[in-house]
Amino acid sequence: MWKFIQGVKNPEENASKRRKITTEEAKHRDETYEKEKRTRKFQNSWQSGRSWLVYDPETNVMTCTVCAKYDPTPGPFVNGSSNFRLNSIQKHECSESHKWSVK
């Protein structure tokens, strides 16, 4: 398609002129973005199918009501977690302590 547009160069030629970044540079770039620029927020959709997950906007933490009630071991979802990632919720959901608390 690029051949038919006047003034457009072959994209493969342009790509070969760009500096390729190393894996280490990409990792550093991603870590910097996560730490300095990205802001994570609690998503209400995460509560769908998880009646045990509660978010407190005043303290900006999410807790597991089941674990807080039945698990005596302090942990991020008992004390309150601000790690707003679906992955962290899924890991907690699959944890042995959570499964034990739900029974």
N, C-alpha and C. Protein backbone atom coordinates (compact mmCIF):
# COMPACT_ATOMS: atom_id res chain seq x y z
N MET A 1 0.82 -1.18 0.00
CA MET A 1 0.00 0.00 0.00
C MET A 1 0.87 1.26 0.00
N TRP A 2 1.97 1.24 0.75
CA TRP A 2 2.83 2.40 0.86
C TRP A 2 3.42 2.78 -0.50
N LYS A 3 3.50 1.82 -1.41
CA LYS A 3 4.08 2.07 -2.72
C LYS A 3 3.24 3.07 -3.53
N PHE A 4 1.95 3.11 -3.23
CA PHE A 4 1.05 3.92 -4.03
C PHE A 4 0.82 5.32 -3.46
N ILE A 5 1.39 5.60 -2.31
CA ILE A 5 1.22 6.91 -1.70
C ILE A 5 2.48 7.72 -1.97
N GLN A 6 2.30 8.83 -2.60
CA GLN A 6 3.42 9.66 -3.01
C GLN A 6 4.18 10.19 -1.78
N GLY A 7 5.50 10.05 -1.80
CA GLY A 7 6.34 10.59 -0.74
C GLY A 7 6.54 9.66 0.44
N VAL A 8 5.90 8.48 0.44
CA VAL A 8 6.04 7.54 1.56
C VAL A 8 7.14 6.54 1.23
N LYS A 9 8.04 6.35 2.21
CA LYS A 9 9.15 5.43 2.00
C LYS A 9 8.78 4.05 2.53
N ASN A 10 9.53 3.08 2.11
CA ASN A 10 9.34 1.70 2.53
C ASN A 10 9.46 1.62 4.06
N PRO A 11 8.44 1.13 4.77
CA PRO A 11 8.51 1.06 6.22
C PRO A 11 9.62 0.17 6.74
N GLU A 12 10.01 -0.85 5.99
CA GLU A 12 11.10 -1.73 6.41
C GLU A 12 12.42 -0.99 6.44
N GLU A 13 12.63 -0.05 5.52
CA GLU A 13 13.85 0.75 5.52
C GLU A 13 13.88 1.67 6.74
N ASN A 14 12.74 2.26 7.08
CA ASN A 14 12.67 3.14 8.25
C ASN A 14 12.92 2.36 9.53
N ALA A 15 12.42 1.14 9.61
CA ALA A 15 12.59 0.33 10.81
C ALA A 15 14.05 -0.05 11.01
N SER A 16 14.76 -0.31 9.95
CA SER A 16 16.16 -0.72 10.07
C SER A 16 17.04 0.44 10.53
N LYS A 17 16.61 1.67 10.32
CA LYS A 17 17.39 2.84 10.74
C LYS A 17 17.19 3.17 12.21
N ARG A 18 16.08 2.72 12.80
CA ARG A 18 15.81 2.98 14.21
C ARG A 18 16.75 2.20 15.10
N ARG A 19 17.14 2.82 16.21
CA ARG A 19 18.01 2.14 17.18
C ARG A 19 17.18 1.12 17.94
N LYS A 20 17.65 -0.09 17.99
CA LYS A 20 16.95 -1.14 18.73
C LYS A 20 17.39 -1.07 20.19
N ILE A 21 16.41 -1.15 21.09
CA ILE A 21 16.76 -1.09 22.51
C ILE A 21 16.97 -2.50 23.04
N THR A 22 17.83 -2.61 24.02
CA THR A 22 18.13 -3.91 24.61
C THR A 22 17.02 -4.29 25.59
N THR A 23 17.01 -5.54 25.98
CA THR A 23 16.04 -6.03 26.95
C THR A 23 16.18 -5.29 28.27
N GLU A 24 17.42 -5.02 28.65
CA GLU A 24 17.69 -4.30 29.91
C GLU A 24 17.14 -2.87 29.85
N GLU A 25 17.31 -2.22 28.71
CA GLU A 25 16.79 -0.86 28.54
C GLU A 25 15.27 -0.84 28.59
N ALA A 26 14.66 -1.83 27.97
CA ALA A 26 13.20 -1.92 27.97
C ALA A 26 12.68 -2.17 29.38
N LYS A 27 13.36 -3.03 30.11
CA LYS A 27 12.96 -3.32 31.49
C LYS A 27 13.07 -2.07 32.35
N HIS A 28 14.17 -1.34 32.21
CA HIS A 28 14.36 -0.09 32.96
C HIS A 28 13.28 0.93 32.60
N ARG A 29 12.95 1.06 31.33
CA ARG A 29 11.92 1.98 30.87
C ARG A 29 10.57 1.62 31.49
N ASP A 30 10.24 0.35 31.50
CA ASP A 30 8.96 -0.10 32.05
C ASP A 30 8.89 0.12 33.56
N GLU A 31 9.99 -0.17 34.26
CA GLU A 31 10.02 0.02 35.71
C GLU A 31 9.89 1.50 36.07
N THR A 32 10.56 2.36 35.31
CA THR A 32 10.47 3.80 35.55
C THR A 32 9.04 4.28 35.35
N TYR A 33 8.40 3.82 34.30
CA TYR A 33 7.01 4.19 34.04
C TYR A 33 6.10 3.76 35.18
N GLU A 34 6.27 2.53 35.65
CA GLU A 34 5.44 2.02 36.74
C GLU A 34 5.61 2.84 38.01
N LYS A 35 6.85 3.18 38.35
CA LYS A 35 7.14 3.88 39.59
C LYS A 35 6.78 5.36 39.56
N GLU A 36 7.05 6.02 38.45
CA GLU A 36 6.96 7.47 38.42
C GLU A 36 5.73 8.04 37.73
N LYS A 37 5.17 7.33 36.79
CA LYS A 37 4.11 7.93 35.99
C LYS A 37 2.75 7.26 36.12
N ARG A 38 2.74 5.97 36.33
CA ARG A 38 1.47 5.24 36.33
C ARG A 38 0.77 5.37 37.67
N THR A 39 -0.50 5.65 37.62
CA THR A 39 -1.30 5.67 38.84
C THR A 39 -2.37 4.59 38.71
N ARG A 40 -2.42 3.73 39.69
CA ARG A 40 -3.40 2.65 39.68
C ARG A 40 -4.56 3.00 40.59
N LYS A 41 -5.74 2.58 40.20
CA LYS A 41 -6.94 2.84 40.97
C LYS A 41 -7.73 1.56 41.11
N PHE A 42 -8.51 1.48 42.17
CA PHE A 42 -9.37 0.34 42.38
C PHE A 42 -10.47 0.36 41.33
N GLN A 43 -10.73 -0.79 40.73
CA GLN A 43 -11.78 -0.92 39.71
C GLN A 43 -12.97 -1.64 40.33
N ASN A 44 -14.13 -1.00 40.30
CA ASN A 44 -15.33 -1.61 40.88
C ASN A 44 -15.68 -2.95 40.24
N SER A 45 -15.29 -3.13 39.00
CA SER A 45 -15.58 -4.38 38.29
C SER A 45 -14.89 -5.57 38.96
N TRP A 46 -13.83 -5.33 39.72
CA TRP A 46 -13.12 -6.42 40.40
C TRP A 46 -14.00 -7.06 41.47
N GLN A 47 -14.99 -6.36 41.95
CA GLN A 47 -15.87 -6.89 42.99
C GLN A 47 -16.90 -7.86 42.44
N SER A 48 -17.08 -7.86 41.13
CA SER A 48 -18.05 -8.75 40.50
C SER A 48 -17.67 -10.21 40.76
N GLY A 49 -18.53 -10.93 41.45
CA GLY A 49 -18.27 -12.33 41.79
C GLY A 49 -17.36 -12.49 42.99
N ARG A 50 -17.00 -11.39 43.61
CA ARG A 50 -16.13 -11.43 44.80
C ARG A 50 -16.79 -10.62 45.91
N SER A 51 -17.79 -11.19 46.52
CA SER A 51 -18.52 -10.47 47.58
C SER A 51 -17.63 -10.18 48.78
N TRP A 52 -16.55 -10.90 48.91
CA TRP A 52 -15.62 -10.73 50.02
C TRP A 52 -14.69 -9.54 49.85
N LEU A 53 -14.57 -9.01 48.63
CA LEU A 53 -13.65 -7.91 48.36
C LEU A 53 -14.33 -6.58 48.63
N VAL A 54 -13.73 -5.80 49.53
CA VAL A 54 -14.30 -4.51 49.91
C VAL A 54 -13.24 -3.43 49.71
N TYR A 55 -13.67 -2.31 49.14
CA TYR A 55 -12.77 -1.17 48.94
C TYR A 55 -13.21 -0.03 49.83
N ASP A 56 -12.26 0.56 50.53
CA ASP A 56 -12.53 1.72 51.39
C ASP A 56 -11.89 2.95 50.75
N PRO A 57 -12.70 3.83 50.18
CA PRO A 57 -12.14 5.00 49.49
C PRO A 57 -11.46 5.99 50.44
N GLU A 58 -11.82 5.99 51.71
CA GLU A 58 -11.20 6.91 52.66
C GLU A 58 -9.75 6.54 52.94
N THR A 59 -9.49 5.25 53.11
CA THR A 59 -8.12 4.80 53.37
C THR A 59 -7.42 4.34 52.10
N ASN A 60 -8.17 4.22 51.01
CA ASN A 60 -7.65 3.81 49.70
C ASN A 60 -7.00 2.43 49.76
N VAL A 61 -7.69 1.49 50.42
CA VAL A 61 -7.22 0.11 50.49
C VAL A 61 -8.38 -0.85 50.23
N MET A 62 -8.04 -2.04 49.79
CA MET A 62 -9.03 -3.09 49.60
C MET A 62 -8.74 -4.19 50.59
N THR A 63 -9.78 -4.82 51.11
CA THR A 63 -9.61 -5.88 52.09
C THR A 63 -10.49 -7.06 51.73
N CYS A 64 -10.12 -8.20 52.30
CA CYS A 64 -10.91 -9.42 52.17
C CYS A 64 -11.66 -9.60 53.48
N THR A 65 -12.96 -9.45 53.46
CA THR A 65 -13.75 -9.53 54.69
C THR A 65 -13.72 -10.93 55.29
N VAL A 66 -13.67 -11.95 54.46
CA VAL A 66 -13.64 -13.33 54.94
C VAL A 66 -12.34 -13.60 55.68
N CYS A 67 -11.21 -13.23 55.10
CA CYS A 67 -9.92 -13.45 55.74
C CYS A 67 -9.78 -12.59 56.99
N ALA A 68 -10.29 -11.37 56.94
CA ALA A 68 -10.21 -10.49 58.11
C ALA A 68 -10.98 -11.09 59.28
N LYS A 69 -12.04 -11.83 58.97
CA LYS A 69 -12.87 -12.40 60.03
C LYS A 69 -12.32 -13.73 60.54
N TYR A 70 -11.85 -14.60 59.64
CA TYR A 70 -11.50 -15.96 60.01
C TYR A 70 -10.02 -16.28 60.04
N ASP A 71 -9.18 -15.50 59.40
CA ASP A 71 -7.74 -15.80 59.34
C ASP A 71 -7.00 -14.93 60.35
N PRO A 72 -6.41 -15.53 61.37
CA PRO A 72 -5.71 -14.74 62.39
C PRO A 72 -4.35 -14.20 61.92
N THR A 73 -3.86 -14.73 60.80
CA THR A 73 -2.55 -14.30 60.30
C THR A 73 -2.68 -12.97 59.57
N PRO A 74 -1.94 -11.95 60.00
CA PRO A 74 -2.02 -10.68 59.29
C PRO A 74 -1.42 -10.79 57.90
N GLY A 75 -2.04 -10.17 56.96
CA GLY A 75 -1.56 -10.18 55.58
C GLY A 75 -2.09 -8.96 54.86
N PRO A 76 -1.69 -8.77 53.61
CA PRO A 76 -2.10 -7.57 52.89
C PRO A 76 -3.62 -7.43 52.74
N PHE A 77 -4.31 -8.52 52.54
CA PHE A 77 -5.76 -8.41 52.35
C PHE A 77 -6.52 -8.44 53.68
N VAL A 78 -5.83 -8.73 54.77
CA VAL A 78 -6.44 -8.65 56.09
C VAL A 78 -6.27 -7.22 56.62
N ASN A 79 -5.07 -6.69 56.50
CA ASN A 79 -4.76 -5.34 56.97
C ASN A 79 -5.23 -4.27 55.99
N GLY A 80 -5.30 -4.62 54.72
CA GLY A 80 -5.67 -3.67 53.67
C GLY A 80 -4.54 -3.54 52.67
N SER A 81 -4.86 -3.70 51.42
CA SER A 81 -3.86 -3.67 50.36
C SER A 81 -4.15 -2.52 49.40
N SER A 82 -3.09 -1.83 49.01
CA SER A 82 -3.24 -0.78 47.99
C SER A 82 -2.55 -1.19 46.69
N ASN A 83 -2.28 -2.48 46.55
CA ASN A 83 -1.70 -3.02 45.32
C ASN A 83 -2.84 -3.26 44.33
N PHE A 84 -3.24 -2.21 43.66
CA PHE A 84 -4.42 -2.26 42.78
C PHE A 84 -4.08 -2.91 41.45
N ARG A 85 -3.98 -4.22 41.50
CA ARG A 85 -3.78 -5.02 40.29
C ARG A 85 -4.70 -6.22 40.39
N LEU A 86 -5.32 -6.55 39.30
CA LEU A 86 -6.21 -7.71 39.27
C LEU A 86 -5.42 -8.96 39.62
N ASN A 87 -4.18 -9.02 39.19
CA ASN A 87 -3.33 -10.17 39.47
C ASN A 87 -3.17 -10.39 40.97
N SER A 88 -3.02 -9.34 41.75
CA SER A 88 -2.86 -9.49 43.19
C SER A 88 -4.13 -10.04 43.83
N ILE A 89 -5.29 -9.63 43.33
CA ILE A 89 -6.57 -10.14 43.83
C ILE A 89 -6.70 -11.62 43.48
N GLN A 90 -6.34 -11.97 42.27
CA GLN A 90 -6.44 -13.36 41.84
C GLN A 90 -5.50 -14.26 42.63
N LYS A 91 -4.30 -13.76 42.94
CA LYS A 91 -3.36 -14.54 43.75
C LYS A 91 -3.92 -14.76 45.15
N HIS A 92 -4.51 -13.70 45.72
CA HIS A 92 -5.10 -13.85 47.05
C HIS A 92 -6.25 -14.84 47.01
N GLU A 93 -7.06 -14.74 45.98
CA GLU A 93 -8.22 -15.62 45.82
C GLU A 93 -7.81 -17.09 45.76
N CYS A 94 -6.64 -17.37 45.20
CA CYS A 94 -6.15 -18.75 45.07
C CYS A 94 -5.27 -19.18 46.23
N SER A 95 -4.99 -18.28 47.16
CA SER A 95 -4.10 -18.61 48.26
C SER A 95 -4.77 -19.61 49.21
N GLU A 96 -3.93 -20.40 49.87
CA GLU A 96 -4.43 -21.41 50.81
C GLU A 96 -5.18 -20.75 51.98
N SER A 97 -4.66 -19.63 52.48
CA SER A 97 -5.31 -18.98 53.62
C SER A 97 -6.71 -18.48 53.25
N HIS A 98 -6.86 -17.97 52.03
CA HIS A 98 -8.18 -17.51 51.60
C HIS A 98 -9.14 -18.69 51.43
N LYS A 99 -8.64 -19.74 50.79
CA LYS A 99 -9.49 -20.93 50.60
C LYS A 99 -9.93 -21.50 51.94
N TRP A 100 -9.01 -21.50 52.92
CA TRP A 100 -9.34 -21.99 54.25
C TRP A 100 -10.39 -21.09 54.91
N SER A 101 -10.27 -19.80 54.75
CA SER A 101 -11.20 -18.85 55.36
C SER A 101 -12.60 -18.95 54.75
N VAL A 102 -12.67 -19.27 53.48
CA VAL A 102 -13.96 -19.34 52.79
C VAL A 102 -14.75 -20.57 53.22
N LYS A 103 -14.05 -21.66 53.62
CA LYS A 103 -14.73 -22.91 53.98
C LYS A 103 -15.61 -22.76 55.19
